[in-house]
Protein backbone atom coordinates (compact mmCIF):
# COMPACT_ATOMS: atom_id res chain seq x y z
CA MET A 1 6.84 6.91 0.45
CA ASN A 2 6.63 5.21 -3.00
CA GLY A 3 8.18 1.69 -2.95
CA LYS A 4 7.70 1.20 0.82
CA ARG A 5 6.47 -2.15 2.01
CA VAL A 6 3.35 -2.13 4.00
CA MET A 7 0.89 -4.61 5.61
CA TYR A 8 -2.96 -4.55 4.91
CA GLN A 9 -5.35 -7.19 5.98
CA GLY A 10 -2.52 -9.70 6.67
CA LYS A 11 -0.89 -9.33 3.27
CA GLU A 12 2.22 -7.54 2.25
CA TYR A 13 2.02 -4.90 -0.37
CA ILE A 14 4.16 -2.19 -1.97
CA VAL A 15 3.02 1.58 -2.02
CA VAL A 16 2.79 2.65 -5.64
CA HIS A 17 1.58 6.14 -5.01
CA LYS A 18 0.23 8.26 -2.01
CA TYR A 19 -2.50 10.80 -3.00
CA GLU A 20 -3.01 14.17 -1.21
CA THR A 21 -6.29 12.84 0.27
CA GLY A 22 -4.36 10.25 2.28
CA TYR A 23 -5.28 7.39 -0.04
CA CYS A 24 -2.51 4.86 -1.14
CA GLU A 25 -2.36 2.88 -4.23
CA LEU A 26 -0.88 -0.44 -3.24
CA LYS A 27 0.47 -3.37 -5.41
CA THR A 28 0.59 -7.00 -4.36
CA LEU A 29 3.94 -8.72 -4.27
CA GLU A 30 2.86 -12.03 -6.01
CA TYR A 31 1.05 -10.61 -9.16
CA PHE A 32 -0.18 -7.28 -10.62
CA GLN A 33 -3.04 -6.50 -8.56
CA PHE A 34 -3.68 -2.96 -7.34
CA ILE A 35 -5.94 -1.55 -4.62
CA LEU A 36 -6.64 1.75 -3.16
CA VAL A 37 -6.85 2.17 0.73
CA HIS A 38 -6.57 4.90 3.16
CA GLU A 39 -3.12 5.38 4.92
CA SER A 40 -4.86 4.84 8.20
CA GLU A 41 -5.69 1.17 7.33
CA ILE A 42 -2.06 0.17 6.60
CA THR A 43 1.01 -0.55 8.74
CA PHE A 44 4.38 0.41 7.38
CA LEU A 45 7.12 -2.19 7.43
CA ASP A 46 10.04 -0.13 6.33
């Protein structure tokens, strides 16, 4: 799952890490910003 491209709130991100709780750490494509969101809130592109 790490490295997969996803959509969250209309923006494209890359999954950095998925935790056992179902939360994913996402990184933006443009610059180094990281966010933590639940897997149920994202759409997988790959």
